[in-house]
PDB file of all heavy atoms in Angstrom:
ATOM      1  N   TYR A   1      83.831  58.800 155.751  1.00  0.00           N
ATOM      2  CA  TYR A   1      82.371  58.854 155.829  1.00  0.00           C
ATOM      3  C   TYR A   1      81.975  60.322 155.794  1.00  0.00           C
ATOM      4  O   TYR A   1      81.942  61.004 156.812  1.00  0.00           O
ATOM      5  CB  TYR A   1      81.868  58.141 157.084  1.00  0.00           C
ATOM      6  CG  TYR A   1      82.319  56.700 157.077  1.00  0.00           C
ATOM      7  CD1 TYR A   1      83.394  56.274 157.839  1.00  0.00           C
ATOM      8  CD2 TYR A   1      81.692  55.790 156.244  1.00  0.00           C
ATOM      9  CE1 TYR A   1      83.820  54.968 157.780  1.00  0.00           C
ATOM     10  CE2 TYR A   1      82.117  54.472 156.181  1.00  0.00           C
ATOM     11  CZ  TYR A   1      83.182  54.068 156.950  1.00  0.00           C
ATOM     12  OH  TYR A   1      83.617  52.777 156.877  1.00  0.00           O
ATOM     13  N   TYR A   2      81.686  60.804 154.626  1.00  0.00           N
ATOM     14  CA  TYR A   2      81.498  62.224 154.348  1.00  0.00           C
ATOM     15  C   TYR A   2      80.422  62.869 155.212  1.00  0.00           C
ATOM     16  O   TYR A   2      79.285  62.422 155.247  1.00  0.00           O
ATOM     17  CB  TYR A   2      81.166  62.417 152.861  1.00  0.00           C
ATOM     18  CG  TYR A   2      82.215  61.794 151.983  1.00  0.00           C
ATOM     19  CD1 TYR A   2      82.022  60.533 151.444  1.00  0.00           C
ATOM     20  CD2 TYR A   2      83.419  62.447 151.741  1.00  0.00           C
ATOM     21  CE1 TYR A   2      83.000  59.944 150.654  1.00  0.00           C
ATOM     22  CE2 TYR A   2      84.397  61.862 150.952  1.00  0.00           C
ATOM     23  CZ  TYR A   2      84.180  60.610 150.417  1.00  0.00           C
ATOM     24  OH  TYR A   2      85.149  60.027 149.658  1.00  0.00           O
ATOM     25  N   ASN A   3      80.811  63.932 155.917  1.00  0.00           N
ATOM     26  CA  ASN A   3      79.933  64.789 156.714  1.00  0.00           C
ATOM     27  C   ASN A   3      79.218  64.094 157.866  1.00  0.00           C
ATOM     28  O   ASN A   3      78.326  64.685 158.468  1.00  0.00           O
ATOM     29  CB  ASN A   3      78.903  65.496 155.823  1.00  0.00           C
ATOM     30  CG  ASN A   3      79.564  66.470 154.875  1.00  0.00           C
ATOM     31  OD1 ASN A   3      80.543  67.124 155.224  1.00  0.00           O
ATOM     32  ND2 ASN A   3      79.059  66.561 153.672  1.00  0.00           N
ATOM     33  N   VAL A   4      79.587  62.875 158.224  1.00  0.00           N
ATOM     34  CA  VAL A   4      78.937  62.202 159.348  1.00  0.00           C
ATOM     35  C   VAL A   4      79.195  62.953 160.644  1.00  0.00           C
ATOM     36  O   VAL A   4      78.293  63.122 161.460  1.00  0.00           O
ATOM     37  CB  VAL A   4      79.407  60.735 159.473  1.00  0.00           C
ATOM     38  CG1 VAL A   4      78.943  60.103 160.768  1.00  0.00           C
ATOM     39  CG2 VAL A   4      78.907  59.934 158.286  1.00  0.00           C
ATOM     40  N   MET A   5      80.409  63.454 160.856  1.00  0.00           N
ATOM     41  CA  MET A   5      80.730  64.179 162.084  1.00  0.00           C
ATOM     42  C   MET A   5      80.717  65.691 161.863  1.00  0.00           C
ATOM     43  O   MET A   5      81.309  66.443 162.617  1.00  0.00           O
ATOM     44  CB  MET A   5      82.086  63.726 162.627  1.00  0.00           C
ATOM     45  CG  MET A   5      82.101  62.282 163.082  1.00  0.00           C
ATOM     46  SD  MET A   5      80.893  61.877 164.360  1.00  0.00           S
ATOM     47  CE  MET A   5      81.532  62.786 165.740  1.00  0.00           C
ATOM     48  N   GLN A   6      80.013  66.156 160.862  1.00  0.00           N
ATOM     49  CA  GLN A   6      79.877  67.588 160.589  1.00  0.00           C
ATOM     50  C   GLN A   6      79.057  68.236 161.701  1.00  0.00           C
ATOM     51  O   GLN A   6      77.968  67.758 162.039  1.00  0.00           O
ATOM     52  CB  GLN A   6      79.174  67.807 159.247  1.00  0.00           C
ATOM     53  CG  GLN A   6      78.958  69.241 158.877  1.00  0.00           C
ATOM     54  CD  GLN A   6      80.238  69.887 158.374  1.00  0.00           C
ATOM     55  OE1 GLN A   6      81.145  69.210 157.929  1.00  0.00           O
ATOM     56  NE2 GLN A   6      80.315  71.182 158.461  1.00  0.00           N
ATOM     57  N   LEU A   7      79.576  69.304 162.292  1.00  0.00           N
ATOM     58  CA  LEU A   7      78.836  70.014 163.328  1.00  0.00           C
ATOM     59  C   LEU A   7      77.669  70.758 162.701  1.00  0.00           C
ATOM     60  O   LEU A   7      77.797  71.343 161.624  1.00  0.00           O
ATOM     61  CB  LEU A   7      79.759  71.000 164.053  1.00  0.00           C
ATOM     62  CG  LEU A   7      80.919  70.360 164.814  1.00  0.00           C
ATOM     63  CD1 LEU A   7      81.847  71.432 165.356  1.00  0.00           C
ATOM     64  CD2 LEU A   7      80.413  69.475 165.926  1.00  0.00           C
ATOM     65  N   MET A   8      76.551  70.758 163.360  1.00  0.00           N
ATOM     66  CA  MET A   8      75.359  71.431 162.833  1.00  0.00           C
ATOM     67  C   MET A   8      75.571  72.932 162.686  1.00  0.00           C
ATOM     68  O   MET A   8      74.937  73.575 161.871  1.00  0.00           O
ATOM     69  CB  MET A   8      74.151  71.162 163.743  1.00  0.00           C
ATOM     70  CG  MET A   8      73.759  69.695 163.789  1.00  0.00           C
ATOM     71  SD  MET A   8      73.374  68.997 162.176  1.00  0.00           S
ATOM     72  CE  MET A   8      71.851  69.824 161.816  1.00  0.00           C
ATOM     73  N   THR A   9      76.495  73.504 163.473  1.00  0.00           N
ATOM     74  CA  THR A   9      76.755  74.941 163.397  1.00  0.00           C
ATOM     75  C   THR A   9      77.722  75.306 162.284  1.00  0.00           C
ATOM     76  O   THR A   9      77.895  76.470 161.977  1.00  0.00           O
ATOM     77  CB  THR A   9      77.334  75.449 164.731  1.00  0.00           C
ATOM     78  OG1 THR A   9      78.530  74.718 165.011  1.00  0.00           O
ATOM     79  CG2 THR A   9      76.331  75.253 165.861  1.00  0.00           C
ATOM     80  N   ALA A  10      78.367  74.312 161.688  1.00  0.00           N
ATOM     81  CA  ALA A  10      79.343  74.578 160.637  1.00  0.00           C
ATOM     82  C   ALA A  10      78.637  74.970 159.343  1.00  0.00           C
ATOM     83  O   ALA A  10      77.591  74.436 159.000  1.00  0.00           O
ATOM     84  CB  ALA A  10      80.220  73.357 160.399  1.00  0.00           C
ATOM     85  N   GLU A  11      79.230  75.903 158.639  1.00  0.00           N
ATOM     86  CA  GLU A  11      78.667  76.327 157.363  1.00  0.00           C
ATOM     87  C   GLU A  11      79.399  75.642 156.222  1.00  0.00           C
ATOM     88  O   GLU A  11      80.581  75.348 156.316  1.00  0.00           O
ATOM     89  CB  GLU A  11      78.803  77.841 157.209  1.00  0.00           C
ATOM     90  CG  GLU A  11      77.948  78.610 158.175  1.00  0.00           C
ATOM     91  CD  GLU A  11      78.042  80.103 157.947  1.00  0.00           C
ATOM     92  OE1 GLU A  11      78.365  80.521 156.827  1.00  0.00           O
ATOM     93  OE2 GLU A  11      77.785  80.843 158.905  1.00  0.00           O
ATOM     94  N   GLY A  12      78.699  75.433 155.139  1.00  0.00           N
ATOM     95  CA  GLY A  12      79.325  74.877 153.944  1.00  0.00           C
ATOM     96  C   GLY A  12      79.487  73.375 154.020  1.00  0.00           C
ATOM     97  O   GLY A  12      79.067  72.709 154.957  1.00  0.00           O
ATOM     98  N   ASP A  13      80.126  72.856 153.006  1.00  0.00           N
ATOM     99  CA  ASP A  13      80.349  71.433 152.881  1.00  0.00           C
ATOM    100  C   ASP A  13      81.791  71.129 153.255  1.00  0.00           C
ATOM    101  O   ASP A  13      82.706  71.455 152.510  1.00  0.00           O
ATOM    102  CB  ASP A  13      80.063  70.994 151.436  1.00  0.00           C
ATOM    103  CG  ASP A  13      80.217  69.501 151.262  1.00  0.00           C
ATOM    104  OD1 ASP A  13      80.073  68.767 152.255  1.00  0.00           O
ATOM    105  OD2 ASP A  13      80.490  69.076 150.133  1.00  0.00           O
ATOM    106  N   ASN A  14      82.015  70.549 154.404  1.00  0.00           N
ATOM    107  CA  ASN A  14      83.351  70.221 154.865  1.00  0.00           C
ATOM    108  C   ASN A  14      83.634  68.758 154.541  1.00  0.00           C
ATOM    109  O   ASN A  14      83.267  67.862 155.292  1.00  0.00           O
ATOM    110  CB  ASN A  14      83.470  70.476 156.368  1.00  0.00           C
ATOM    111  CG  ASN A  14      84.855  70.177 156.886  1.00  0.00           C
ATOM    112  OD1 ASN A  14      85.749  69.781 156.132  1.00  0.00           O
ATOM    113  ND2 ASN A  14      85.050  70.349 158.164  1.00  0.00           N
ATOM    114  N   PHE A  15      84.280  68.528 153.409  1.00  0.00           N
ATOM    115  CA  PHE A  15      84.514  67.145 152.980  1.00  0.00           C
ATOM    116  C   PHE A  15      85.495  66.409 153.878  1.00  0.00           C
ATOM    117  O   PHE A  15      85.660  65.208 153.758  1.00  0.00           O
ATOM    118  CB  PHE A  15      84.974  67.100 151.516  1.00  0.00           C
ATOM    119  CG  PHE A  15      86.426  67.447 151.310  1.00  0.00           C
ATOM    120  CD1 PHE A  15      87.353  66.446 151.088  1.00  0.00           C
ATOM    121  CD2 PHE A  15      86.858  68.755 151.342  1.00  0.00           C
ATOM    122  CE1 PHE A  15      88.687  66.741 150.891  1.00  0.00           C
ATOM    123  CE2 PHE A  15      88.184  69.066 151.139  1.00  0.00           C
ATOM    124  CZ  PHE A  15      89.110  68.061 150.914  1.00  0.00           C
ATOM    125  N   ARG A  16      86.146  67.113 154.803  1.00  0.00           N
ATOM    126  CA  ARG A  16      87.061  66.459 155.742  1.00  0.00           C
ATOM    127  C   ARG A  16      86.445  66.291 157.127  1.00  0.00           C
ATOM    128  O   ARG A  16      87.158  65.961 158.060  1.00  0.00           O
ATOM    129  CB  ARG A  16      88.345  67.270 155.869  1.00  0.00           C
ATOM    130  CG  ARG A  16      89.192  67.249 154.639  1.00  0.00           C
ATOM    131  CD  ARG A  16      90.506  67.929 154.919  1.00  0.00           C
ATOM    132  NE  ARG A  16      91.250  68.086 153.704  1.00  0.00           N
ATOM    133  CZ  ARG A  16      92.121  69.040 153.490  1.00  0.00           C
ATOM    134  NH1 ARG A  16      92.362  69.930 154.416  1.00  0.00           N
ATOM    135  NH2 ARG A  16      92.762  69.118 152.354  1.00  0.00           N
ATOM    136  N   SER A  17      85.167  66.519 157.295  1.00  0.00           N
ATOM    137  CA  SER A  17      84.556  66.424 158.620  1.00  0.00           C
ATOM    138  C   SER A  17      84.815  65.046 159.218  1.00  0.00           C
ATOM    139  O   SER A  17      84.656  64.024 158.554  1.00  0.00           O
ATOM    140  CB  SER A  17      83.060  66.703 158.544  1.00  0.00           C
ATOM    141  OG  SER A  17      82.422  65.737 157.754  1.00  0.00           O
ATOM    142  N   GLY A  18      85.226  65.021 160.461  1.00  0.00           N
ATOM    143  CA  GLY A  18      85.512  63.767 161.139  1.00  0.00           C
ATOM    144  C   GLY A  18      86.885  63.201 160.867  1.00  0.00           C
ATOM    145  O   GLY A  18      87.301  62.244 161.501  1.00  0.00           O
ATOM    146  N   ARG A  19      87.640  63.790 159.959  1.00  0.00           N
ATOM    147  CA  ARG A  19      88.983  63.312 159.631  1.00  0.00           C
ATOM    148  C   ARG A  19      89.980  63.939 160.577  1.00  0.00           C
ATOM    149  O   ARG A  19      89.920  65.135 160.851  1.00  0.00           O
ATOM    150  CB  ARG A  19      89.324  63.688 158.193  1.00  0.00           C
ATOM    151  CG  ARG A  19      90.636  63.153 157.723  1.00  0.00           C
ATOM    152  CD  ARG A  19      90.819  63.509 156.237  1.00  0.00           C
ATOM    153  NE  ARG A  19      92.124  63.165 155.797  1.00  0.00           N
ATOM    154  CZ  ARG A  19      93.180  63.981 155.867  1.00  0.00           C
ATOM    155  NH1 ARG A  19      93.043  65.190 156.339  1.00  0.00           N
ATOM    156  NH2 ARG A  19      94.353  63.579 155.454  1.00  0.00           N
ATOM    157  N   TRP A  20      90.910  63.162 161.092  1.00  0.00           N
ATOM    158  CA  TRP A  20      91.913  63.660 162.032  1.00  0.00           C
ATOM    159  C   TRP A  20      93.275  63.564 161.379  1.00  0.00           C
ATOM    160  O   TRP A  20      93.720  62.489 161.004  1.00  0.00           O
ATOM    161  CB  TRP A  20      91.866  62.833 163.300  1.00  0.00           C
ATOM    162  CG  TRP A  20      92.753  63.318 164.396  1.00  0.00           C
ATOM    163  CD1 TRP A  20      93.159  64.599 164.623  1.00  0.00           C
ATOM    164  CD2 TRP A  20      93.325  62.533 165.434  1.00  0.00           C
ATOM    165  NE1 TRP A  20      93.935  64.658 165.748  1.00  0.00           N
ATOM    166  CE2 TRP A  20      94.051  63.397 166.262  1.00  0.00           C
ATOM    167  CE3 TRP A  20      93.282  61.189 165.743  1.00  0.00           C
ATOM    168  CZ2 TRP A  20      94.742  62.958 167.386  1.00  0.00           C
ATOM    169  CZ3 TRP A  20      93.965  60.751 166.865  1.00  0.00           C
ATOM    170  CH2 TRP A  20      94.684  61.626 167.676  1.00  0.00           C
ATOM    171  N   SER A  21      93.936  64.680 161.241  1.00  0.00           N
ATOM    172  CA  SER A  21      95.245  64.724 160.595  1.00  0.00           C
ATOM    173  C   SER A  21      96.264  65.346 161.533  1.00  0.00           C
ATOM    174  O   SER A  21      95.982  66.359 162.167  1.00  0.00           O
ATOM    175  CB  SER A  21      95.155  65.558 159.313  1.00  0.00           C
ATOM    176  OG  SER A  21      96.429  65.707 158.735  1.00  0.00           O
ATOM    177  N   PRO A  22      97.464  64.776 161.615  1.00  0.00           N
ATOM    178  CA  PRO A  22      98.491  65.362 162.474  1.00  0.00           C
ATOM    179  C   PRO A  22      99.057  66.659 161.922  1.00  0.00           C
ATOM    180  O   PRO A  22      99.700  67.403 162.644  1.00  0.00           O
ATOM    181  CB  PRO A  22      99.580  64.289 162.531  1.00  0.00           C
ATOM    182  CG  PRO A  22      99.396  63.517 161.280  1.00  0.00           C
ATOM    183  CD  PRO A  22      97.921  63.552 160.981  1.00  0.00           C
ATOM    184  N   GLY A  23      98.826  66.963 160.672  1.00  0.00           N
ATOM    185  CA  GLY A  23      99.384  68.179 160.077  1.00  0.00           C
ATOM    186  C   GLY A  23     100.770  67.911 159.530  1.00  0.00           C
ATOM    187  O   GLY A  23     101.539  67.141 160.100  1.00  0.00           O
ATOM    188  N   ALA A  24     101.078  68.509 158.420  1.00  0.00           N
ATOM    189  CA  ALA A  24     102.377  68.282 157.783  1.00  0.00           C
ATOM    190  C   ALA A  24     103.247  69.523 157.850  1.00  0.00           C
ATOM    191  O   ALA A  24     104.188  69.663 157.104  1.00  0.00           O
ATOM    192  CB  ALA A  24     102.176  67.859 156.336  1.00  0.00           C
ATOM    193  N   ASN A  25     102.938  70.427 158.757  1.00  0.00           N
ATOM    194  CA  ASN A  25     103.739  71.647 158.881  1.00  0.00           C
ATOM    195  C   ASN A  25     104.764  71.520 160.002  1.00  0.00           C
ATOM    196  O   ASN A  25     104.995  72.443 160.746  1.00  0.00           O
ATOM    197  CB  ASN A  25     102.823  72.856 159.103  1.00  0.00           C
ATOM    198  CG  ASN A  25     101.927  72.669 160.312  1.00  0.00           C
ATOM    199  OD1 ASN A  25     101.899  71.604 160.912  1.00  0.00           O
ATOM    200  ND2 ASN A  25     101.199  73.706 160.665  1.00  0.00           N
ATOM    201  N   GLN A  26     105.369  70.361 160.099  1.00  0.00           N
ATOM    202  CA  GLN A  26     106.347  70.090 161.145  1.00  0.00           C
ATOM    203  C   GLN A  26     107.674  70.784 160.852  1.00  0.00           C
ATOM    204  O   GLN A  26     108.126  70.820 159.725  1.00  0.00           O
ATOM    205  CB  GLN A  26     106.600  68.577 161.234  1.00  0.00           C
ATOM    206  CG  GLN A  26     105.373  67.729 161.329  1.00  0.00           C
ATOM    207  CD  GLN A  26     104.678  67.841 162.662  1.00  0.00           C
ATOM    208  OE1 GLN A  26     105.300  68.065 163.683  1.00  0.00           O
ATOM    209  NE2 GLN A  26     103.377  67.711 162.645  1.00  0.00           N
ATOM    210  N   THR A  27     108.304  71.319 161.905  1.00  0.00           N
ATOM    211  CA  THR A  27     109.652  71.852 161.735  1.00  0.00           C
ATOM    212  C   THR A  27     110.679  70.732 161.852  1.00  0.00           C
ATOM    213  O   THR A  27     111.763  70.831 161.306  1.00  0.00           O
ATOM    214  CB  THR A  27     109.944  72.953 162.783  1.00  0.00           C
ATOM    215  OG1 THR A  27     109.691  72.427 164.091  1.00  0.00           O
ATOM    216  CG2 THR A  27     109.075  74.166 162.523  1.00  0.00           C
TER     217      THR A  27
END
């Protein structure tokens, strides 16, 4: 759901707003 959880203080278009990722930089 694009930009639904975008913070009002954030600049630009964050197409990942509200998305939670564990990160793939695991050792």
